[in-house]
Protein backbone atom coordinates (compact mmCIF):
# COMPACT_ATOMS: atom_id res chain seq x y z
CA MET A 1 -8.04 6.57 -11.10
CA SER A 2 -5.72 8.65 -8.98
CA SER A 3 -5.25 12.15 -9.91
CA GLU A 4 -3.36 15.16 -8.31
CA ALA A 5 -6.57 17.00 -8.10
CA GLU A 6 -8.61 14.50 -5.99
CA GLU A 7 -9.23 15.93 -2.56
CA LEU A 8 -7.56 13.97 0.34
CA ILE A 9 -8.33 14.21 4.12
CA LEU A 10 -6.22 16.25 6.20
CA VAL A 11 -5.92 15.04 9.89
CA ASP A 12 -4.37 15.74 13.10
CA GLU A 13 -2.02 13.31 14.88
CA GLN A 14 -5.15 11.57 16.53
CA ASP A 15 -6.56 10.98 13.04
CA ARG A 16 -9.33 13.63 13.33
CA ALA A 17 -10.24 15.18 10.13
CA VAL A 18 -9.18 18.90 9.94
CA GLY A 19 -9.82 19.68 6.33
CA TYR A 20 -9.24 18.80 2.66
CA ARG A 21 -6.64 19.50 0.19
CA SER A 22 -5.80 18.24 -3.30
CA LYS A 23 -3.57 15.35 -3.50
CA GLY A 24 -0.91 17.43 -5.24
CA GLY A 25 -1.08 20.04 -2.54
CA CYS A 26 -0.75 17.22 0.29
CA HIS A 27 2.42 16.17 -1.35
CA ASP A 28 4.13 19.60 -2.04
CA ARG A 29 7.25 20.57 -0.22
CA ASP A 30 7.45 18.86 3.26
CA GLY A 31 3.76 17.45 2.70
CA LEU A 32 0.77 18.04 4.89
CA LEU A 33 -0.48 15.37 7.27
CA HIS A 34 -3.24 13.30 5.49
CA ARG A 35 -5.02 10.00 5.98
CA ALA A 36 -3.63 7.05 3.85
CA PHE A 37 -3.40 3.28 3.84
CA SER A 38 -1.15 0.42 2.97
CA VAL A 39 -2.25 -2.95 2.07
CA PHE A 40 -0.20 -6.21 2.14
CA VAL A 41 -1.87 -9.14 0.20
CA PHE A 42 -0.59 -12.70 0.75
CA ASN A 43 -1.41 -15.79 -1.25
CA ARG A 44 -1.97 -19.34 0.17
CA GLN A 45 1.84 -20.24 -0.11
CA GLY A 46 2.57 -17.42 2.26
CA GLU A 47 4.04 -15.07 -0.38
CA VAL A 48 3.51 -11.45 -0.30
CA LEU A 49 2.47 -9.43 -3.53
CA LEU A 50 4.84 -6.53 -4.21
CA GLN A 51 4.27 -3.86 -6.86
CA GLN A 52 6.76 -1.72 -8.60
CA ARG A 53 5.42 1.69 -8.82
CA ALA A 54 4.73 3.16 -12.28
CA GLN A 55 7.45 5.32 -13.86
CA GLY A 56 4.96 8.37 -14.13
CA LYS A 57 4.50 8.55 -10.33
CA ARG A 58 5.50 11.77 -8.88
CA LEU A 59 6.95 10.25 -5.82
CA TRP A 60 9.28 7.19 -5.72
CA PRO A 61 8.68 6.03 -9.36
CA LEU A 62 9.96 2.53 -10.12
CA TYR A 63 10.51 1.74 -6.41
CA TRP A 64 9.22 -1.53 -5.06
CA SER A 65 6.44 -1.34 -2.34
CA ASN A 66 3.56 -3.09 -0.74
CA SER A 67 0.65 -4.54 -2.75
CA CYS A 68 -1.48 -1.45 -2.71
CA CYS A 69 -1.49 2.01 -1.10
CA SER A 70 -3.32 5.18 -1.44
CA HIS A 71 -5.66 7.61 0.37
CA PRO A 72 -9.33 7.79 1.03
CA ARG A 73 -10.95 10.69 -0.74
CA ARG A 74 -13.14 13.41 0.64
CA GLY A 75 -16.31 11.74 1.83
CA GLU A 76 -15.11 8.24 1.42
CA SER A 77 -14.60 5.70 4.28
CA MET A 78 -11.23 3.89 4.79
CA GLU A 79 -12.99 0.62 3.99
CA GLU A 80 -14.51 1.99 0.75
CA ALA A 81 -11.07 3.42 -0.21
CA VAL A 82 -9.11 0.15 0.38
CA GLN A 83 -11.44 -1.90 -1.74
CA ARG A 84 -11.65 0.78 -4.51
CA ARG A 85 -7.97 0.91 -4.90
CA LEU A 86 -7.47 -2.96 -4.80
CA ALA A 87 -9.88 -3.14 -7.64
CA GLN A 88 -8.44 -0.27 -9.56
CA GLU A 89 -4.77 -1.14 -9.17
CA LEU A 90 -4.85 -4.93 -8.98
CA SER A 91 -8.33 -6.02 -10.14
CA ILE A 92 -8.82 -7.96 -6.93
CA SER A 93 -10.98 -7.89 -3.92
CA CYS A 94 -10.14 -9.66 -0.55
CA PRO A 95 -11.08 -9.62 3.15
CA LEU A 96 -8.65 -7.37 5.23
CA GLN A 97 -7.49 -7.21 8.67
CA PHE A 98 -6.45 -4.02 10.19
CA LEU A 99 -3.15 -4.16 11.97
CA TYR A 100 -2.01 -0.82 13.09
CA LYS A 101 -1.66 2.82 12.28
CA PHE A 102 1.43 5.08 12.18
CA GLN A 103 2.64 8.52 11.12
CA TYR A 104 5.57 9.17 8.95
CA GLN A 105 7.20 11.68 6.78
CA ALA A 106 9.63 11.10 3.88
CA SER A 107 10.86 13.60 1.10
CA PHE A 108 11.86 12.53 -2.45
CA GLY A 109 14.17 15.23 -3.36
CA ASP A 110 12.51 18.39 -4.75
CA ALA A 111 9.63 16.37 -6.21
CA GLY A 112 7.73 16.49 -2.65
CA SER A 113 7.02 14.47 0.21
CA GLU A 114 4.75 11.95 1.73
CA HIS A 115 3.44 12.96 5.32
CA GLU A 116 0.86 10.57 6.26
CA LEU A 117 -1.14 8.86 8.98
CA CYS A 118 -1.17 5.50 7.56
CA SER A 119 -3.63 2.61 8.41
CA VAL A 120 -1.85 -0.73 7.57
CA TYR A 121 -3.99 -3.93 6.51
CA VAL A 122 -3.06 -7.45 5.52
CA GLY A 123 -5.34 -9.76 3.29
CA ARG A 124 -5.35 -13.02 1.53
CA SER A 125 -6.15 -13.76 -1.95
CA ASP A 126 -5.29 -16.24 -4.71
CA ASP A 127 -7.34 -14.22 -7.45
CA LEU A 128 -5.42 -13.34 -10.83
CA VAL A 129 -3.80 -9.93 -10.49
CA ARG A 130 -4.19 -7.80 -13.39
CA ALA A 131 -2.01 -4.67 -12.76
CA ASN A 132 -3.23 -1.34 -13.87
CA ALA A 133 -0.09 -0.01 -15.93
CA THR A 134 -0.97 3.65 -15.07
CA GLU A 135 -0.24 2.73 -11.39
CA ILE A 136 2.05 -0.15 -11.51
CA ASN A 137 5.25 -1.06 -13.77
CA ASP A 138 5.53 -4.56 -12.44
CA CYS A 139 4.34 -6.92 -9.67
CA ARG A 140 5.65 -10.10 -8.25
CA TYR A 141 5.28 -12.51 -5.21
CA VAL A 142 8.04 -13.17 -2.85
CA LEU A 143 8.30 -15.28 0.18
CA PRO A 144 9.05 -13.24 3.51
CA ASP A 145 12.50 -14.55 4.10
CA ALA A 146 13.58 -13.64 0.55
CA LEU A 147 12.09 -10.33 0.98
CA ASP A 148 14.06 -9.80 4.22
CA TRP A 149 17.26 -10.62 2.31
CA GLU A 150 16.37 -8.22 -0.34
CA LEU A 151 15.58 -5.48 1.91
CA GLU A 152 18.96 -6.09 3.57
CA SER A 153 21.01 -6.21 0.46
CA ASN A 154 19.18 -3.56 -1.68
CA PRO A 155 17.10 -1.29 0.67
CA ASP A 156 17.22 1.62 -1.68
CA ALA A 157 14.89 -0.19 -4.11
CA PHE A 158 11.97 0.09 -1.79
CA THR A 159 9.73 2.92 -0.67
CA PRO A 160 10.35 4.27 2.63
CA TRP A 161 7.00 3.54 4.06
CA PHE A 162 7.32 -0.07 3.05
CA LYS A 163 10.69 -0.31 4.92
CA LEU A 164 8.91 0.97 8.03
CA GLU A 165 5.73 -1.28 7.70
CA TRP A 166 7.20 -4.70 6.63
CA PRO A 167 8.73 -5.72 9.94
CA ARG A 168 5.47 -5.35 11.96
CA VAL A 169 3.50 -6.99 9.09
CA ARG A 170 5.91 -9.94 8.76
CA ASP A 171 5.75 -10.44 12.48
CA ALA A 172 1.89 -10.31 12.70
CA VAL A 173 1.69 -12.73 9.75
CA ARG A 174 4.16 -15.22 11.54
CA ASP A 175 2.00 -14.84 14.62
CA GLY A 176 -1.02 -16.04 12.60
CA VAL A 177 -2.98 -12.92 11.79
CA LEU A 178 -4.06 -14.34 8.45
CA ASN A 179 -5.63 -17.48 9.98
CA GLU A 180 -8.87 -15.50 10.20
CA LEU A 181 -8.76 -14.52 6.56
CA ARG A 182 -8.73 -17.95 4.80
CA ALA A 183 -9.05 -17.80 0.96
CA PRO A 184 -11.76 -19.96 -0.75
CA ASN A 185 -10.66 -23.66 -1.14
CA GLU A 186 -9.73 -23.41 -4.84
CA PRO A 187 -6.49 -23.75 -6.66
CA PRO A 188 -4.42 -20.52 -7.27
CA ARG A 189 -5.55 -18.88 -10.41
CA GLY A 190 -2.24 -17.08 -11.28
CA ALA A 191 0.10 -14.37 -10.33
CA CYS A 192 0.61 -10.96 -12.05
CA GLY A 193 -0.76 -10.36 -15.42
């Protein structure tokens, strides 16, 4: 699982590794720029899986966010990290399409900050989700138009990185980015458990 002591990869603005620091150290004060990722998982019905972050999270507890987000650890590739966290947080695995990379910084009061160079991925899965209660308080599937309405009517319920990522993810999905990631031809096996 994730811990404040695990070593994350510090990067420059061109995503070149420049050192390592504990997760806790990366998130202290204004944060140190480090490598991260966000994953958006869609089902065959075109709904996106959202997670509500666990209450024990240091930053943005109980806020709604994308399906999975985390960091590669020291010595770990991005591909290894993404699949590791999908399995740990949601008990799923799925093919992913890289969309884009962006840098952001956001502070959560005195608790600390995110300062990340974040790679954004989309994937498709109809596997039964088993949410890890240490990481996730709740999860649900929502149609993109309904999510747009939620973001407009209650933006403070969502993490800052999610609000930055969603418009570009939504547009890419509408433009057919998931067509290359076809789920197996089997009936959906469930939602969040």
